[in-house]
Amino acid sequence: MISEIDLRHLKRCIELARTALAKGDQPFGSVLVSESGEVLFEDHNHVATGDHTQHPEFAIARWAAANMTPAERRQATVYTSGEHCPMCAAAHGWVGLDRIVYASSSSQLAKWLDEMGIGTSRVRNLPIETVIRDTTVDGPVPELAEEVRKLHKEYYHTSLK
């Protein structure tokens, strides 16, 4: 169930994805929110450097492991513009973060990339629930997924020139 609070945080993720795009990076953004609703950490993609492990969701997992107790991590929510890749989902599982809310799914992204003639990633698109257990996952959010699709379309249109 997606609430108004969830939508607000997801819209911030899309803003962060726009920031990544403006910096020439793939458009992904993520936010970590405490049980009380405090934004603890936010980031966007940094893979343009060539290091494709620099995903914002992975940065959140590292930050949470270093700065939160296991109990705090279990009560936090991670918001992201796109569903976690297997690497990021595993990182969240390992550090014990629970709820994940995403605007667009990995299967949607794969479809969009196929429609643009980009091809498939070397890493398989797997639903978060296939990678980790006992995690609450909500998404995609259709009204926001379209915004995310437009960002990816702009990224690939610009980067393929």
Protein backbone atom coordinates (compact mmCIF):
# COMPACT_ATOMS: atom_id res chain seq x y z
CA MET A 1 0.00 0.00 0.00
CA ILE A 2 1.49 3.30 -1.13
CA SER A 3 0.71 6.26 1.14
CA GLU A 4 1.01 10.01 0.58
CA ILE A 5 4.23 9.93 2.63
CA ASP A 6 5.57 7.18 0.36
CA LEU A 7 4.72 9.27 -2.71
CA ARG A 8 6.54 12.29 -1.26
CA HIS A 9 9.71 10.28 -0.69
CA LEU A 10 9.47 8.60 -4.10
CA LYS A 11 9.17 12.01 -5.75
CA ARG A 12 12.39 13.01 -3.97
CA CYS A 13 14.02 9.88 -5.42
CA ILE A 14 12.98 11.03 -8.88
CA GLU A 15 14.49 14.46 -8.18
CA LEU A 16 17.74 12.72 -7.23
CA ALA A 17 17.54 10.68 -10.43
CA ARG A 18 17.23 13.96 -12.35
CA THR A 19 20.35 15.20 -10.55
CA ALA A 20 22.22 12.09 -11.68
CA LEU A 21 21.01 12.64 -15.24
CA ALA A 22 22.14 16.30 -15.14
CA LYS A 23 25.60 15.04 -14.15
CA GLY A 24 25.69 12.63 -17.10
CA ASP A 25 24.83 9.58 -15.04
CA GLN A 26 22.12 6.96 -15.25
CA PRO A 27 18.97 8.31 -13.60
CA PHE A 28 18.56 6.54 -10.26
CA GLY A 29 17.97 8.09 -6.84
CA SER A 30 17.28 6.68 -3.38
CA VAL A 31 16.36 7.87 0.11
CA LEU A 32 16.64 6.17 3.53
CA VAL A 33 13.96 7.16 6.06
CA SER A 34 13.85 6.30 9.76
CA GLU A 35 10.85 4.84 11.53
CA SER A 36 10.02 8.36 12.81
CA GLY A 37 10.04 9.75 9.25
CA GLU A 38 13.42 11.47 9.33
CA VAL A 39 15.40 11.40 6.08
CA LEU A 40 18.72 9.88 7.14
CA PHE A 41 20.60 9.53 3.85
CA GLU A 42 20.01 10.15 0.18
CA ASP A 43 22.07 9.63 -2.93
CA HIS A 44 21.96 9.20 -6.68
CA ASN A 45 23.80 7.01 -9.16
CA HIS A 46 27.55 7.53 -9.63
CA VAL A 47 28.34 4.88 -12.25
CA ALA A 48 29.50 7.32 -14.94
CA THR A 49 32.98 6.95 -13.44
CA GLY A 50 33.02 3.39 -14.78
CA ASP A 51 32.45 1.76 -11.38
CA HIS A 52 29.05 0.16 -11.83
CA THR A 53 28.78 -0.72 -8.14
CA GLN A 54 28.19 2.94 -7.26
CA HIS A 55 24.41 2.60 -6.96
CA PRO A 56 22.56 4.78 -4.42
CA GLU A 57 20.89 1.73 -2.88
CA PHE A 58 24.29 0.16 -2.21
CA ALA A 59 25.48 3.44 -0.66
CA ILE A 60 22.42 3.40 1.60
CA ALA A 61 23.21 -0.14 2.75
CA ARG A 62 26.78 0.85 3.60
CA TRP A 63 25.68 4.01 5.40
CA ALA A 64 23.02 2.12 7.37
CA ALA A 65 25.53 -0.56 8.44
CA ALA A 66 27.92 2.11 9.71
CA ASN A 67 25.40 4.45 11.34
CA MET A 68 22.34 2.53 12.51
CA THR A 69 21.69 -0.25 14.98
CA PRO A 70 20.22 -3.51 13.67
CA ALA A 71 16.87 -2.56 15.27
CA GLU A 72 16.88 0.85 13.58
CA ARG A 73 17.65 -0.76 10.21
CA ARG A 74 14.73 -3.19 10.60
CA GLN A 75 12.37 -0.23 11.13
CA ALA A 76 13.70 2.00 8.33
CA THR A 77 12.28 2.35 4.82
CA VAL A 78 14.29 2.63 1.62
CA TYR A 79 12.70 4.55 -1.23
CA THR A 80 14.11 4.36 -4.72
CA SER A 81 13.28 5.45 -8.23
CA GLY A 82 13.96 1.98 -9.62
CA GLU A 83 13.70 -1.49 -8.14
CA HIS A 84 16.97 -2.73 -6.66
CA CYS A 85 19.32 -4.75 -8.80
CA PRO A 86 20.40 -8.09 -7.29
CA MET A 87 23.62 -6.53 -5.87
CA CYS A 88 21.70 -3.81 -4.03
CA ALA A 89 18.93 -6.15 -2.89
CA ALA A 90 21.55 -8.50 -1.41
CA ALA A 91 23.30 -5.59 0.33
CA HIS A 92 20.00 -4.59 1.92
CA GLY A 93 19.39 -8.15 3.02
CA TRP A 94 22.86 -8.46 4.53
CA VAL A 95 22.56 -5.26 6.58
CA GLY A 96 19.00 -6.00 7.67
CA LEU A 97 17.08 -3.12 6.12
CA ASP A 98 13.41 -3.97 5.78
CA ARG A 99 10.81 -2.11 3.72
CA ILE A 100 11.71 -1.13 0.16
CA VAL A 101 9.43 1.07 -1.93
CA TYR A 102 10.18 1.70 -5.60
CA ALA A 103 8.63 3.81 -8.35
CA SER A 104 9.51 1.57 -11.32
CA SER A 105 10.35 -2.13 -11.51
CA SER A 106 13.37 -3.83 -12.98
CA SER A 107 11.10 -5.59 -15.48
CA GLN A 108 9.75 -2.22 -16.60
CA LEU A 109 13.31 -0.95 -17.07
CA ALA A 110 14.24 -4.03 -19.10
CA LYS A 111 11.20 -3.47 -21.33
CA TRP A 112 12.03 0.21 -21.81
CA LEU A 113 15.65 -0.58 -22.71
CA ASP A 114 14.48 -3.21 -25.18
CA GLU A 115 12.08 -0.71 -26.78
CA MET A 116 14.98 1.74 -27.14
CA GLY A 117 17.20 -0.92 -28.71
CA ILE A 118 19.67 -0.82 -25.83
CA GLY A 119 19.73 -4.54 -25.14
CA THR A 120 19.90 -6.43 -21.90
CA SER A 121 22.22 -6.02 -18.95
CA ARG A 122 24.87 -8.60 -18.09
CA VAL A 123 23.21 -8.80 -14.65
CA ARG A 124 19.84 -10.52 -14.61
CA ASN A 125 16.78 -8.52 -13.62
CA LEU A 126 15.43 -10.29 -10.55
CA PRO A 127 12.61 -9.12 -8.31
CA ILE A 128 13.84 -8.08 -4.86
CA GLU A 129 11.82 -10.91 -3.28
CA THR A 130 13.81 -13.43 -5.35
CA VAL A 131 17.08 -12.16 -3.88
CA ILE A 132 16.13 -11.57 -0.22
CA ARG A 133 13.49 -12.97 2.14
CA ASP A 134 11.41 -11.39 4.87
CA THR A 135 11.39 -7.90 3.39
CA THR A 136 8.33 -5.77 2.72
CA VAL A 137 8.42 -4.60 -0.89
CA ASP A 138 6.00 -2.12 -2.46
CA GLY A 139 6.02 -0.97 -6.06
CA PRO A 140 5.88 -0.11 -8.84
CA VAL A 141 3.83 3.08 -8.71
CA PRO A 142 2.33 3.58 -12.21
CA GLU A 143 1.95 7.37 -12.04
CA LEU A 144 5.63 7.74 -11.10
CA ALA A 145 7.00 4.95 -13.29
CA GLU A 146 6.18 7.01 -16.36
CA GLU A 147 8.36 9.86 -15.06
CA VAL A 148 11.21 7.39 -14.51
CA ARG A 149 10.77 6.01 -18.04
CA LYS A 150 11.14 9.52 -19.47
CA LEU A 151 14.40 10.03 -17.54
CA HIS A 152 15.86 6.81 -18.91
CA LYS A 153 14.74 7.72 -22.40
CA GLU A 154 16.49 11.09 -22.07
CA TYR A 155 19.64 9.45 -20.68
CA TYR A 156 19.94 6.92 -23.50
CA HIS A 157 18.95 9.43 -26.19
CA THR A 158 21.72 11.74 -24.98
CA SER A 159 24.37 9.09 -24.29
CA LEU A 160 23.96 7.39 -27.67
CA LYS A 161 24.63 10.55 -29.67
